[in-house]
Amino acid sequence: MELKIGTLITLEPINSESMERFKCKVVEQKDGNIYIDYPVSTTTNRTSFLSRGSQFRASFIDEEKIAHAFKTEVLGRVKANIPMIMLSFPTDEEIYKIQRREFVRVLTPVDVAIRFNDEYYQFVTEDISAGGLAIILNQKVSFKENDEFDMTIALPFSNKDVKYIQTRASVIRIIERDDCVIAPLHFTDTDELDRQFLVRFCFERQLLIRKKETAF
């Protein structure tokens, strides 16, 4: 994929607790890499200096107004007519279209603890997104549509770090299948920091799933 010069890119740290985002523009693309101007923090509105080896989730919107995302790494700084930073740029197979990323669900198991009617339950997800998840009801519990409760989600990241998200969720519906019962849930009280952790986790899992698919 060729990025048009001047394309705006948003960078989000992958292996960092910081939720700071950066905005930058594509200055050049060659030899399988892209070159950007020095990024500006969306938090401080100041120019930032990214360390070599830092990894980010990069997102951009193409000329057809379609959003895309990919994983990238800072390869170094380049001195030219204007100061630039060189970033790795993946193959087309590793670039993902973003369709309402808040609600793009990833099929992956995640441990979830729920407090409902003063009782505690442990479940495993069938899928998860930044907007909600679906749990496998492997035990008897009197959930029904629109029930709301507190829950804790354990997100295991690729760097071995585990983030615990505490939020409230409501039951969308109960789905009975031949082999199991599923309860899709919608988050009702997720703050911005936790939402970003969820987005990052889903992106990591998408990358992992794609790598496994292309390995065969």
C-alpha atoms as a PDB file:
ATOM      1  CA  MET A   1       0.000   0.000   0.000  1.00  0.00           C
ATOM      2  CA  GLU A   2       1.235   3.451  -0.917  1.00  0.00           C
ATOM      3  CA  LEU A   3       0.523   6.295   1.491  1.00  0.00           C
ATOM      4  CA  LYS A   4      -0.037   9.702  -0.021  1.00  0.00           C
ATOM      5  CA  ILE A   5       2.451  12.357   1.069  1.00  0.00           C
ATOM      6  CA  GLY A   6       0.765  14.451   3.737  1.00  0.00           C
ATOM      7  CA  THR A   7      -1.404  11.605   5.053  1.00  0.00           C
ATOM      8  CA  LEU A   8      -2.228  12.207   8.716  1.00  0.00           C
ATOM      9  CA  ILE A   9      -1.243   9.370  11.052  1.00  0.00           C
ATOM     10  CA  THR A  10      -2.182   8.826  14.693  1.00  0.00           C
ATOM     11  CA  LEU A  11       0.299   6.874  16.830  1.00  0.00           C
ATOM     12  CA  GLU A  12      -0.706   5.047  20.024  1.00  0.00           C
ATOM     13  CA  PRO A  13       1.928   3.299  22.217  1.00  0.00           C
ATOM     14  CA  ILE A  14       1.604  -0.489  22.348  1.00  0.00           C
ATOM     15  CA  ASN A  15       3.920  -1.672  25.129  1.00  0.00           C
ATOM     16  CA  SER A  16       3.441   1.263  27.473  1.00  0.00           C
ATOM     17  CA  GLU A  17       0.976   2.282  30.169  1.00  0.00           C
ATOM     18  CA  SER A  18       0.906   5.765  28.677  1.00  0.00           C
ATOM     19  CA  MET A  19      -2.253   6.562  26.764  1.00  0.00           C
ATOM     20  CA  GLU A  20      -0.669   9.599  25.094  1.00  0.00           C
ATOM     21  CA  ARG A  21      -1.390   9.855  21.383  1.00  0.00           C
ATOM     22  CA  PHE A  22       0.675  11.532  18.698  1.00  0.00           C
ATOM     23  CA  LYS A  23      -0.259  13.139  15.392  1.00  0.00           C
ATOM     24  CA  CYS A  24       2.122  13.280  12.440  1.00  0.00           C
ATOM     25  CA  LYS A  25       2.225  13.454   8.635  1.00  0.00           C
ATOM     26  CA  VAL A  26       3.787  11.171   6.054  1.00  0.00           C
ATOM     27  CA  VAL A  27       6.717  12.957   4.411  1.00  0.00           C
ATOM     28  CA  GLU A  28       8.158  10.115   2.328  1.00  0.00           C
ATOM     29  CA  GLN A  29       7.810   6.390   1.669  1.00  0.00           C
ATOM     30  CA  LYS A  30      10.595   4.184   0.319  1.00  0.00           C
ATOM     31  CA  ASP A  31      12.409   0.879   0.823  1.00  0.00           C
ATOM     32  CA  GLY A  32       9.516  -0.584   2.794  1.00  0.00           C
ATOM     33  CA  ASN A  33       9.492   2.213   5.371  1.00  0.00           C
ATOM     34  CA  ILE A  34       7.650   5.480   5.872  1.00  0.00           C
ATOM     35  CA  TYR A  35       9.100   8.784   7.005  1.00  0.00           C
ATOM     36  CA  ILE A  36       7.096  11.161   9.163  1.00  0.00           C
ATOM     37  CA  ASP A  37       7.640  14.660  10.482  1.00  0.00           C
ATOM     38  CA  TYR A  38       8.227  14.996  14.209  1.00  0.00           C
ATOM     39  CA  PRO A  39       4.945  14.004  15.894  1.00  0.00           C
ATOM     40  CA  VAL A  40       2.922  16.288  18.128  1.00  0.00           C
ATOM     41  CA  SER A  41       1.366  15.050  21.364  1.00  0.00           C
ATOM     42  CA  THR A  42      -2.412  15.369  21.402  1.00  0.00           C
ATOM     43  CA  THR A  43      -2.176  15.835  25.178  1.00  0.00           C
ATOM     44  CA  THR A  44       0.407  18.630  25.419  1.00  0.00           C
ATOM     45  CA  ASN A  45       0.276  19.873  21.808  1.00  0.00           C
ATOM     46  CA  ARG A  46       4.077  19.835  21.839  1.00  0.00           C
ATOM     47  CA  THR A  47       6.573  18.180  19.518  1.00  0.00           C
ATOM     48  CA  SER A  48       7.665  14.773  20.819  1.00  0.00           C
ATOM     49  CA  PHE A  49      10.853  12.788  20.251  1.00  0.00           C
ATOM     50  CA  LEU A  50      10.129   9.089  19.867  1.00  0.00           C
ATOM     51  CA  SER A  51      12.767   6.628  21.039  1.00  0.00           C
ATOM     52  CA  ARG A  52      14.228   4.121  18.605  1.00  0.00           C
ATOM     53  CA  GLY A  53      12.617   0.714  19.072  1.00  0.00           C
ATOM     54  CA  SER A  54       9.344   2.133  20.410  1.00  0.00           C
ATOM     55  CA  GLN A  55       6.298   0.320  19.051  1.00  0.00           C
ATOM     56  CA  PHE A  56       3.024   1.958  18.130  1.00  0.00           C
ATOM     57  CA  ARG A  57      -0.375   1.284  16.689  1.00  0.00           C
ATOM     58  CA  ALA A  58      -0.638   3.596  13.698  1.00  0.00           C
ATOM     59  CA  SER A  59      -3.965   4.558  12.163  1.00  0.00           C
ATOM     60  CA  PHE A  60      -4.873   6.681   9.152  1.00  0.00           C
ATOM     61  CA  ILE A  61      -7.723   7.420   6.745  1.00  0.00           C
ATOM     62  CA  ASP A  62      -7.144   6.857   3.043  1.00  0.00           C
ATOM     63  CA  GLU A  63      -8.441   8.913   0.118  1.00  0.00           C
ATOM     64  CA  GLU A  64     -11.638   6.854   0.048  1.00  0.00           C
ATOM     65  CA  LYS A  65     -12.312   7.783   3.702  1.00  0.00           C
ATOM     66  CA  ILE A  66     -11.594   4.242   4.899  1.00  0.00           C
ATOM     67  CA  ALA A  67      -9.751   3.951   8.220  1.00  0.00           C
ATOM     68  CA  HIS A  68      -6.783   1.571   8.510  1.00  0.00           C
ATOM     69  CA  ALA A  69      -4.397   0.502  11.274  1.00  0.00           C
ATOM     70  CA  PHE A  70      -1.053  -1.274  11.489  1.00  0.00           C
ATOM     71  CA  LYS A  71       1.720  -2.020  13.948  1.00  0.00           C
ATOM     72  CA  THR A  72       4.919  -0.016  13.505  1.00  0.00           C
ATOM     73  CA  GLU A  73       8.300   0.521  15.136  1.00  0.00           C
ATOM     74  CA  VAL A  74      10.546   3.583  15.310  1.00  0.00           C
ATOM     75  CA  LEU A  75      13.677   2.774  13.283  1.00  0.00           C
ATOM     76  CA  GLY A  76      15.517   6.040  13.854  1.00  0.00           C
ATOM     77  CA  ARG A  77      15.787   9.729  13.045  1.00  0.00           C
ATOM     78  CA  VAL A  78      16.766  11.110   9.665  1.00  0.00           C
ATOM     79  CA  LYS A  79      18.415  14.454   9.007  1.00  0.00           C
ATOM     80  CA  ALA A  80      17.261  15.997   5.736  1.00  0.00           C
ATOM     81  CA  ASN A  81      15.732  19.286   4.635  1.00  0.00           C
ATOM     82  CA  ILE A  82      13.291  18.714   7.458  1.00  0.00           C
ATOM     83  CA  PRO A  83      13.869  16.447  10.479  1.00  0.00           C
ATOM     84  CA  MET A  84      12.131  13.102   9.975  1.00  0.00           C
ATOM     85  CA  ILE A  85      11.495   9.877  11.859  1.00  0.00           C
ATOM     86  CA  MET A  86      11.663   6.558  10.033  1.00  0.00           C
ATOM     87  CA  LEU A  87       8.949   4.008  10.830  1.00  0.00           C
ATOM     88  CA  SER A  88       8.583   0.410   9.719  1.00  0.00           C
ATOM     89  CA  PHE A  89       5.717  -0.158   7.298  1.00  0.00           C
ATOM     90  CA  PRO A  90       4.112  -3.604   7.009  1.00  0.00           C
ATOM     91  CA  THR A  91       2.852  -5.586   4.066  1.00  0.00           C
ATOM     92  CA  ASP A  92      -0.716  -5.120   2.861  1.00  0.00           C
ATOM     93  CA  GLU A  93      -1.727  -8.308   4.703  1.00  0.00           C
ATOM     94  CA  GLU A  94      -0.757  -6.705   8.019  1.00  0.00           C
ATOM     95  CA  ILE A  95      -2.762  -3.524   7.495  1.00  0.00           C
ATOM     96  CA  TYR A  96      -6.299  -3.672   8.857  1.00  0.00           C
ATOM     97  CA  LYS A  97      -9.439  -1.821   7.959  1.00  0.00           C
ATOM     98  CA  ILE A  98     -11.105  -0.219  10.964  1.00  0.00           C
ATOM     99  CA  GLN A  99     -14.872  -0.350  10.977  1.00  0.00           C
ATOM    100  CA  ARG A 100     -16.188   1.332  14.108  1.00  0.00           C
ATOM    101  CA  ARG A 101     -13.219  -0.042  16.030  1.00  0.00           C
ATOM    102  CA  GLU A 102     -15.081   0.342  19.298  1.00  0.00           C
ATOM    103  CA  PHE A 103     -17.331  -2.523  18.294  1.00  0.00           C
ATOM    104  CA  VAL A 104     -15.111  -4.782  16.191  1.00  0.00           C
ATOM    105  CA  ARG A 105     -15.175  -7.975  18.235  1.00  0.00           C
ATOM    106  CA  VAL A 106     -12.198 -10.316  18.437  1.00  0.00           C
ATOM    107  CA  LEU A 107     -12.732 -14.026  19.085  1.00  0.00           C
ATOM    108  CA  THR A 108     -10.490 -14.668  22.089  1.00  0.00           C
ATOM    109  CA  PRO A 109     -10.870 -16.090  25.615  1.00  0.00           C
ATOM    110  CA  VAL A 110     -10.505 -13.606  28.480  1.00  0.00           C
ATOM    111  CA  ASP A 111     -11.216 -14.166  32.176  1.00  0.00           C
ATOM    112  CA  VAL A 112     -14.100 -12.133  33.579  1.00  0.00           C
ATOM    113  CA  ALA A 113     -15.390 -11.774  37.153  1.00  0.00           C
ATOM    114  CA  ILE A 114     -18.979 -10.572  37.651  1.00  0.00           C
ATOM    115  CA  ARG A 115     -20.831  -9.421  40.757  1.00  0.00           C
ATOM    116  CA  PHE A 116     -24.561 -10.016  40.329  1.00  0.00           C
ATOM    117  CA  ASN A 117     -27.218  -9.997  43.078  1.00  0.00           C
ATOM    118  CA  ASP A 118     -24.459 -10.043  45.727  1.00  0.00           C
ATOM    119  CA  GLU A 119     -22.982 -13.213  44.216  1.00  0.00           C
ATOM    120  CA  TYR A 120     -19.652 -13.547  42.403  1.00  0.00           C
ATOM    121  CA  TYR A 121     -19.222 -15.490  39.172  1.00  0.00           C
ATOM    122  CA  GLN A 122     -16.239 -16.389  36.987  1.00  0.00           C
ATOM    123  CA  PHE A 123     -16.678 -16.617  33.217  1.00  0.00           C
ATOM    124  CA  VAL A 124     -14.609 -16.772  30.048  1.00  0.00           C
ATOM    125  CA  THR A 125     -15.368 -14.642  27.007  1.00  0.00           C
ATOM    126  CA  GLU A 126     -16.157 -15.878  23.540  1.00  0.00           C
ATOM    127  CA  ASP A 127     -15.279 -12.493  22.054  1.00  0.00           C
ATOM    128  CA  ILE A 128     -14.402  -8.983  23.191  1.00  0.00           C
ATOM    129  CA  SER A 129     -14.274  -5.426  21.853  1.00  0.00           C
ATOM    130  CA  ALA A 130     -13.813  -1.961  23.294  1.00  0.00           C
ATOM    131  CA  GLY A 131     -17.588  -1.650  23.475  1.00  0.00           C
ATOM    132  CA  GLY A 132     -18.530  -4.962  25.034  1.00  0.00           C
ATOM    133  CA  LEU A 133     -17.975  -8.708  25.158  1.00  0.00           C
ATOM    134  CA  ALA A 134     -19.792 -12.031  25.070  1.00  0.00           C
ATOM    135  CA  ILE A 135     -19.426 -14.512  27.928  1.00  0.00           C
ATOM    136  CA  ILE A 136     -19.979 -18.251  27.860  1.00  0.00           C
ATOM    137  CA  LEU A 137     -22.507 -19.138  30.573  1.00  0.00           C
ATOM    138  CA  ASN A 138     -20.903 -22.313  31.887  1.00  0.00           C
ATOM    139  CA  GLN A 139     -22.899 -22.211  35.127  1.00  0.00           C
ATOM    140  CA  LYS A 140     -26.452 -21.423  36.184  1.00  0.00           C
ATOM    141  CA  VAL A 141     -27.095 -17.728  36.643  1.00  0.00           C
ATOM    142  CA  SER A 142     -30.370 -15.829  36.320  1.00  0.00           C
ATOM    143  CA  PHE A 143     -29.215 -13.253  33.769  1.00  0.00           C
ATOM    144  CA  LYS A 144     -31.896 -11.694  31.611  1.00  0.00           C
ATOM    145  CA  GLU A 145     -31.990  -8.963  29.011  1.00  0.00           C
ATOM    146  CA  ASN A 146     -31.104  -5.455  30.330  1.00  0.00           C
ATOM    147  CA  ASP A 147     -29.688  -6.741  33.639  1.00  0.00           C
ATOM    148  CA  GLU A 148     -26.747  -4.566  34.706  1.00  0.00           C
ATOM    149  CA  PHE A 149     -23.824  -5.430  36.997  1.00  0.00           C
ATOM    150  CA  ASP A 150     -20.211  -4.715  37.935  1.00  0.00           C
ATOM    151  CA  MET A 151     -17.444  -6.705  36.317  1.00  0.00           C
ATOM    152  CA  THR A 152     -13.656  -7.047  36.232  1.00  0.00           C
ATOM    153  CA  ILE A 153     -11.853  -8.057  33.032  1.00  0.00           C
ATOM    154  CA  ALA A 154      -8.285  -9.402  32.971  1.00  0.00           C
ATOM    155  CA  LEU A 155      -6.466  -8.366  29.782  1.00  0.00           C
ATOM    156  CA  PRO A 156      -3.207 -10.316  29.203  1.00  0.00           C
ATOM    157  CA  PHE A 157      -0.974  -8.282  26.882  1.00  0.00           C
ATOM    158  CA  SER A 158       1.823  -9.672  24.729  1.00  0.00           C
ATOM    159  CA  ASN A 159       4.476  -8.095  26.983  1.00  0.00           C
ATOM    160  CA  LYS A 160       3.239 -10.368  29.835  1.00  0.00           C
ATOM    161  CA  ASP A 161       1.541  -7.429  31.547  1.00  0.00           C
ATOM    162  CA  VAL A 162      -2.038  -7.942  32.750  1.00  0.00           C
ATOM    163  CA  LYS A 163      -4.424  -4.998  33.008  1.00  0.00           C
ATOM    164  CA  TYR A 164      -7.577  -5.262  35.096  1.00  0.00           C
ATOM    165  CA  ILE A 165     -10.540  -3.309  33.764  1.00  0.00           C
ATOM    166  CA  GLN A 166     -13.379  -2.541  36.162  1.00  0.00           C
ATOM    167  CA  THR A 167     -16.612  -1.446  34.554  1.00  0.00           C
ATOM    168  CA  ARG A 168     -20.354  -1.957  34.468  1.00  0.00           C
ATOM    169  CA  ALA A 169     -22.122  -3.883  31.756  1.00  0.00           C
ATOM    170  CA  SER A 170     -25.662  -4.691  30.706  1.00  0.00           C
ATOM    171  CA  VAL A 171     -26.993  -7.865  29.110  1.00  0.00           C
ATOM    172  CA  ILE A 172     -27.979  -7.375  25.470  1.00  0.00           C
ATOM    173  CA  ARG A 173     -29.653 -10.769  25.115  1.00  0.00           C
ATOM    174  CA  ILE A 174     -29.237 -14.463  25.920  1.00  0.00           C
ATOM    175  CA  ILE A 175     -28.326 -16.756  23.018  1.00  0.00           C
ATOM    176  CA  GLU A 176     -28.937 -20.493  23.368  1.00  0.00           C
ATOM    177  CA  ARG A 177     -26.866 -22.731  21.128  1.00  0.00           C
ATOM    178  CA  ASP A 178     -26.660 -26.480  20.786  1.00  0.00           C
ATOM    179  CA  ASP A 179     -23.418 -26.665  22.764  1.00  0.00           C
ATOM    180  CA  CYS A 180     -23.533 -23.608  25.050  1.00  0.00           C
ATOM    181  CA  VAL A 181     -25.331 -20.438  26.145  1.00  0.00           C
ATOM    182  CA  ILE A 182     -23.843 -17.032  25.291  1.00  0.00           C
ATOM    183  CA  ALA A 183     -24.586 -13.650  26.873  1.00  0.00           C
ATOM    184  CA  PRO A 184     -23.447 -10.625  24.815  1.00  0.00           C
ATOM    185  CA  LEU A 185     -22.811  -7.644  27.117  1.00  0.00           C
ATOM    186  CA  HIS A 186     -22.477  -3.920  26.494  1.00  0.00           C
ATOM    187  CA  PHE A 187     -20.156  -1.760  28.630  1.00  0.00           C
ATOM    188  CA  THR A 188     -22.063   1.093  30.279  1.00  0.00           C
ATOM    189  CA  ASP A 189     -19.411   2.780  32.416  1.00  0.00           C
ATOM    190  CA  THR A 190     -15.938   2.546  30.843  1.00  0.00           C
ATOM    191  CA  ASP A 191     -13.554   5.483  31.286  1.00  0.00           C
ATOM    192  CA  GLU A 192     -11.213   6.685  28.532  1.00  0.00           C
ATOM    193  CA  LEU A 193      -8.096   5.010  29.947  1.00  0.00           C
ATOM    194  CA  ASP A 194      -9.762   1.603  30.214  1.00  0.00           C
ATOM    195  CA  ARG A 195     -11.275   2.020  26.763  1.00  0.00           C
ATOM    196  CA  GLN A 196      -7.808   2.592  25.328  1.00  0.00           C
ATOM    197  CA  PHE A 197      -6.511  -0.560  27.034  1.00  0.00           C
ATOM    198  CA  LEU A 198      -9.393  -2.484  25.471  1.00  0.00           C
ATOM    199  CA  VAL A 199      -8.679  -1.036  22.018  1.00  0.00           C
ATOM    200  CA  ARG A 200      -4.995  -1.909  22.352  1.00  0.00           C
ATOM    201  CA  PHE A 201      -5.731  -5.442  23.552  1.00  0.00           C
ATOM    202  CA  CYS A 202      -8.123  -6.112  20.660  1.00  0.00           C
ATOM    203  CA  PHE A 203      -5.579  -4.785  18.185  1.00  0.00           C
ATOM    204  CA  GLU A 204      -2.866  -7.063  19.597  1.00  0.00           C
ATOM    205  CA  ARG A 205      -5.145 -10.078  19.361  1.00  0.00           C
ATOM    206  CA  GLN A 206      -6.077  -9.204  15.774  1.00  0.00           C
ATOM    207  CA  LEU A 207      -2.376  -9.182  14.890  1.00  0.00           C
ATOM    208  CA  LEU A 208      -1.822 -12.514  16.631  1.00  0.00           C
ATOM    209  CA  ILE A 209      -4.782 -14.136  14.884  1.00  0.00           C
ATOM    210  CA  ARG A 210      -3.650 -12.842  11.492  1.00  0.00           C
ATOM    211  CA  LYS A 211      -0.116 -14.168  12.041  1.00  0.00           C
ATOM    212  CA  LYS A 212      -1.474 -17.613  12.901  1.00  0.00           C
ATOM    213  CA  GLU A 213      -3.683 -17.592   9.805  1.00  0.00           C
ATOM    214  CA  THR A 214      -0.834 -16.611   7.479  1.00  0.00           C
ATOM    215  CA  ALA A 215       1.515 -19.183   9.019  1.00  0.00           C
ATOM    216  CA  PHE A 216      -0.361 -22.015   7.317  1.00  0.00           C
END
